[in-house]
N, C-alpha and C. Protein backbone atom coordinates (compact mmCIF):
# COMPACT_ATOMS: atom_id res chain seq x y z
N MET A 1 -3.40 101.94 -85.92
CA MET A 1 -2.13 102.91 -85.48
C MET A 1 -2.14 104.05 -86.50
N SER A 2 -1.56 105.27 -86.39
CA SER A 2 -1.33 106.58 -87.10
C SER A 2 -0.18 106.17 -88.05
N GLU A 3 0.19 106.86 -88.90
CA GLU A 3 0.89 106.72 -90.29
C GLU A 3 2.46 107.04 -89.19
N GLN A 4 2.41 107.99 -88.42
CA GLN A 4 3.70 108.01 -88.05
C GLN A 4 4.00 107.20 -86.83
N LYS A 5 4.98 106.64 -86.79
CA LYS A 5 5.51 105.61 -86.03
C LYS A 5 5.73 106.33 -84.28
N ALA A 6 5.29 105.08 -83.52
CA ALA A 6 5.16 105.62 -81.92
C ALA A 6 6.50 105.41 -81.98
N GLU A 7 7.20 106.16 -80.59
CA GLU A 7 8.69 105.82 -80.41
C GLU A 7 8.82 104.44 -79.82
N ARG A 8 7.87 104.45 -78.87
CA ARG A 8 7.64 103.27 -77.70
C ARG A 8 6.20 102.81 -78.12
N ILE A 9 6.09 101.21 -77.85
CA ILE A 9 4.98 100.53 -78.11
C ILE A 9 5.16 99.81 -76.72
N THR A 10 3.89 99.48 -76.11
CA THR A 10 4.11 98.71 -74.86
C THR A 10 2.75 97.34 -75.10
N ILE A 11 2.99 96.42 -75.26
CA ILE A 11 1.78 95.55 -75.25
C ILE A 11 1.76 94.74 -73.98
N LEU A 12 0.58 94.56 -73.47
CA LEU A 12 0.08 94.24 -72.44
C LEU A 12 -0.92 92.66 -72.68
N ALA A 13 -0.34 91.40 -71.65
CA ALA A 13 -1.05 90.24 -72.08
C ALA A 13 -0.93 89.89 -70.78
N ARG A 14 -2.18 88.55 -70.87
CA ARG A 14 -2.05 88.00 -69.21
C ARG A 14 -1.23 87.05 -69.16
N GLU A 15 -0.71 86.22 -70.37
CA GLU A 15 0.69 85.35 -70.43
C GLU A 15 1.84 85.78 -70.97
N PHE A 16 2.90 85.51 -70.32
CA PHE A 16 4.26 85.96 -70.55
C PHE A 16 4.54 85.54 -72.26
N ALA A 17 4.05 84.52 -72.64
CA ALA A 17 4.33 84.09 -73.98
C ALA A 17 3.57 84.93 -74.72
N GLU A 18 2.54 85.20 -74.71
CA GLU A 18 1.80 86.10 -75.76
C GLU A 18 2.38 87.39 -75.80
N ALA A 19 2.65 87.97 -74.73
CA ALA A 19 3.63 89.37 -74.79
C ALA A 19 5.05 89.08 -75.94
N ALA A 20 5.57 87.91 -75.18
CA ALA A 20 6.77 87.80 -76.27
C ALA A 20 6.34 87.30 -77.93
N PHE A 21 5.34 86.93 -78.10
CA PHE A 21 5.36 86.36 -79.52
C PHE A 21 4.87 87.39 -80.42
N GLU A 22 4.37 88.84 -79.53
CA GLU A 22 3.71 89.88 -80.07
C GLU A 22 4.73 90.50 -80.92
N TYR A 23 6.35 90.55 -80.63
CA TYR A 23 7.24 91.02 -81.23
C TYR A 23 7.20 90.55 -82.55
N HIS A 24 7.05 88.91 -82.75
CA HIS A 24 6.99 88.03 -84.37
C HIS A 24 5.85 88.30 -85.08
N ARG A 25 4.49 87.92 -84.21
CA ARG A 25 3.45 88.39 -84.66
C ARG A 25 3.11 89.72 -85.56
N GLY A 26 3.45 90.83 -84.62
CA GLY A 26 3.16 92.18 -85.16
C GLY A 26 4.52 92.55 -85.97
N ARG A 27 5.55 91.34 -86.32
CA ARG A 27 6.54 92.14 -87.28
C ARG A 27 7.24 93.42 -86.66
N LEU A 28 7.49 93.46 -85.71
CA LEU A 28 8.00 94.60 -84.74
C LEU A 28 9.22 95.01 -85.13
N GLY A 29 9.79 93.91 -85.54
CA GLY A 29 11.51 94.11 -85.87
C GLY A 29 11.66 94.53 -87.06
N GLU A 30 10.66 94.19 -88.17
CA GLU A 30 10.81 94.71 -89.63
C GLU A 30 10.34 96.13 -89.65
N LYS A 31 9.32 96.72 -88.45
CA LYS A 31 8.86 97.69 -88.46
C LYS A 31 9.96 98.64 -87.74
N GLY A 32 11.16 98.32 -87.22
CA GLY A 32 12.33 98.77 -86.91
C GLY A 32 12.17 99.02 -85.28
N TYR A 33 11.80 98.12 -84.58
CA TYR A 33 11.21 98.24 -83.12
C TYR A 33 12.38 97.23 -82.78
N ARG A 34 12.98 97.33 -81.46
CA ARG A 34 13.59 96.45 -80.57
C ARG A 34 12.84 96.32 -78.77
N MET A 35 13.01 95.41 -78.50
CA MET A 35 12.70 95.20 -77.16
C MET A 35 13.75 96.24 -76.30
N ALA A 36 12.91 97.08 -75.19
CA ALA A 36 13.32 98.19 -74.49
C ALA A 36 14.16 97.26 -73.03
N GLY A 37 13.50 96.31 -72.94
CA GLY A 37 13.80 95.65 -71.38
C GLY A 37 13.15 94.38 -71.34
N PRO A 38 13.27 93.77 -70.22
CA PRO A 38 12.51 92.46 -70.02
C PRO A 38 11.03 92.54 -70.02
N ILE A 39 10.69 91.42 -70.34
CA ILE A 39 9.01 91.37 -70.25
C ILE A 39 8.78 91.05 -68.67
N VAL A 40 8.09 92.07 -67.98
CA VAL A 40 7.89 91.78 -66.50
C VAL A 40 6.09 92.10 -66.37
N GLN A 41 5.71 91.42 -65.21
CA GLN A 41 4.53 91.77 -64.90
C GLN A 41 4.42 93.19 -64.17
N HIS A 42 3.06 94.02 -64.25
CA HIS A 42 2.85 95.20 -63.81
C HIS A 42 1.46 95.34 -63.27
N LYS A 43 1.01 95.78 -61.94
CA LYS A 43 -0.20 96.45 -61.92
C LYS A 43 -0.42 97.69 -62.23
N PHE A 44 -1.23 98.03 -63.10
CA PHE A 44 -1.53 99.16 -63.77
C PHE A 44 -2.37 100.20 -62.83
N MET A 45 -2.09 101.49 -63.04
CA MET A 45 -2.79 102.43 -62.06
C MET A 45 -3.04 103.72 -62.87
N LEU A 46 -4.39 104.18 -63.01
CA LEU A 46 -4.42 105.98 -63.47
C LEU A 46 -4.72 106.58 -62.21
N LEU A 47 -3.69 107.98 -62.43
CA LEU A 47 -3.91 108.72 -61.30
C LEU A 47 -4.70 110.17 -62.45
N GLU A 48 -5.62 110.55 -62.01
CA GLU A 48 -6.16 111.78 -62.67
C GLU A 48 -6.52 112.88 -61.52
N GLY A 49 -5.74 113.77 -61.54
CA GLY A 49 -6.09 114.85 -60.56
C GLY A 49 -5.41 114.59 -59.26
N PRO A 50 -5.94 115.22 -58.10
CA PRO A 50 -5.55 114.91 -56.83
C PRO A 50 -5.75 113.84 -56.18
N GLN A 51 -6.94 113.12 -56.73
CA GLN A 51 -7.45 111.96 -55.96
C GLN A 51 -6.65 110.80 -56.03
N GLU A 52 -6.89 109.76 -55.35
CA GLU A 52 -6.21 108.38 -55.33
C GLU A 52 -6.15 107.81 -56.73
N PRO A 53 -5.03 107.05 -57.17
CA PRO A 53 -4.96 106.50 -58.44
C PRO A 53 -6.12 105.20 -58.30
N THR A 54 -6.99 105.15 -59.46
CA THR A 54 -7.33 104.23 -59.83
C THR A 54 -7.13 102.83 -60.42
N GLU A 55 -7.20 101.46 -59.87
CA GLU A 55 -6.55 100.58 -60.45
C GLU A 55 -7.13 100.06 -61.85
N LEU A 56 -6.36 99.48 -62.76
CA LEU A 56 -6.72 99.46 -64.15
C LEU A 56 -6.76 98.01 -64.19
N PHE A 57 -7.74 97.29 -65.11
CA PHE A 57 -7.77 96.10 -65.41
C PHE A 57 -8.04 95.14 -64.29
N ASP A 58 -8.79 95.79 -63.37
CA ASP A 58 -9.46 95.09 -62.01
C ASP A 58 -8.17 94.71 -60.93
N GLY A 59 -7.22 95.52 -61.18
CA GLY A 59 -6.07 95.36 -60.27
C GLY A 59 -5.06 94.02 -60.67
N GLU A 60 -5.81 93.36 -61.76
CA GLU A 60 -4.88 92.13 -62.26
C GLU A 60 -3.82 92.48 -62.80
N PRO A 61 -2.43 92.02 -62.38
CA PRO A 61 -0.98 92.20 -63.02
C PRO A 61 -1.27 91.84 -64.26
N LEU A 62 -0.77 92.44 -65.52
CA LEU A 62 -0.47 91.80 -66.87
C LEU A 62 1.06 92.13 -67.31
N PHE A 63 1.60 91.19 -67.98
CA PHE A 63 3.02 91.05 -68.62
C PHE A 63 2.96 92.38 -69.63
N ALA A 64 3.88 93.05 -69.38
CA ALA A 64 4.35 94.57 -70.31
C ALA A 64 5.87 94.02 -71.18
N ALA A 65 5.14 94.26 -72.38
CA ALA A 65 6.59 94.16 -73.14
C ALA A 65 6.80 95.47 -73.81
N THR A 66 7.71 96.33 -73.65
CA THR A 66 7.98 97.58 -74.34
C THR A 66 8.89 97.43 -75.15
N PHE A 67 8.75 98.05 -76.57
CA PHE A 67 9.25 97.98 -77.75
C PHE A 67 9.73 99.60 -78.15
N VAL A 68 11.07 99.66 -78.46
CA VAL A 68 11.17 100.96 -78.94
C VAL A 68 12.11 101.48 -80.19
N LEU A 69 11.70 101.96 -81.04
CA LEU A 69 12.45 102.33 -82.05
C LEU A 69 13.84 102.21 -82.09
N LYS A 70 14.22 101.24 -82.98
CA LYS A 70 16.02 101.37 -82.94
C LYS A 70 16.70 102.73 -83.21
N ASP A 71 16.27 103.59 -83.89
CA ASP A 71 16.68 104.90 -84.12
C ASP A 71 16.30 105.81 -82.99
N ALA A 72 15.70 105.52 -81.98
CA ALA A 72 14.99 106.66 -81.18
C ALA A 72 15.79 106.81 -80.06
N GLU A 73 16.26 108.02 -79.49
CA GLU A 73 17.17 108.20 -78.41
C GLU A 73 16.72 107.42 -77.42
N GLU A 74 17.59 106.85 -76.83
CA GLU A 74 16.93 106.57 -74.99
C GLU A 74 16.99 107.41 -74.08
N GLY A 75 16.10 107.56 -73.24
CA GLY A 75 16.06 108.80 -72.28
C GLY A 75 14.56 108.65 -71.43
């Protein structure tokens, strides 16, 4: 990751526990992050231009855990 901290980091994982554990493994709390919301499954799609969106990860739903810098403004 670059020297400048990202305001939000989203971790994707196939299992709930993997996504939850990354907060501790990655020492995100020590780096100034907190959870932005619950860890839930998402299906990811990419939209590029006017065509139909393309499924990412072969359409497999993944657990997403989003972390936000504690001093970042919500919005």
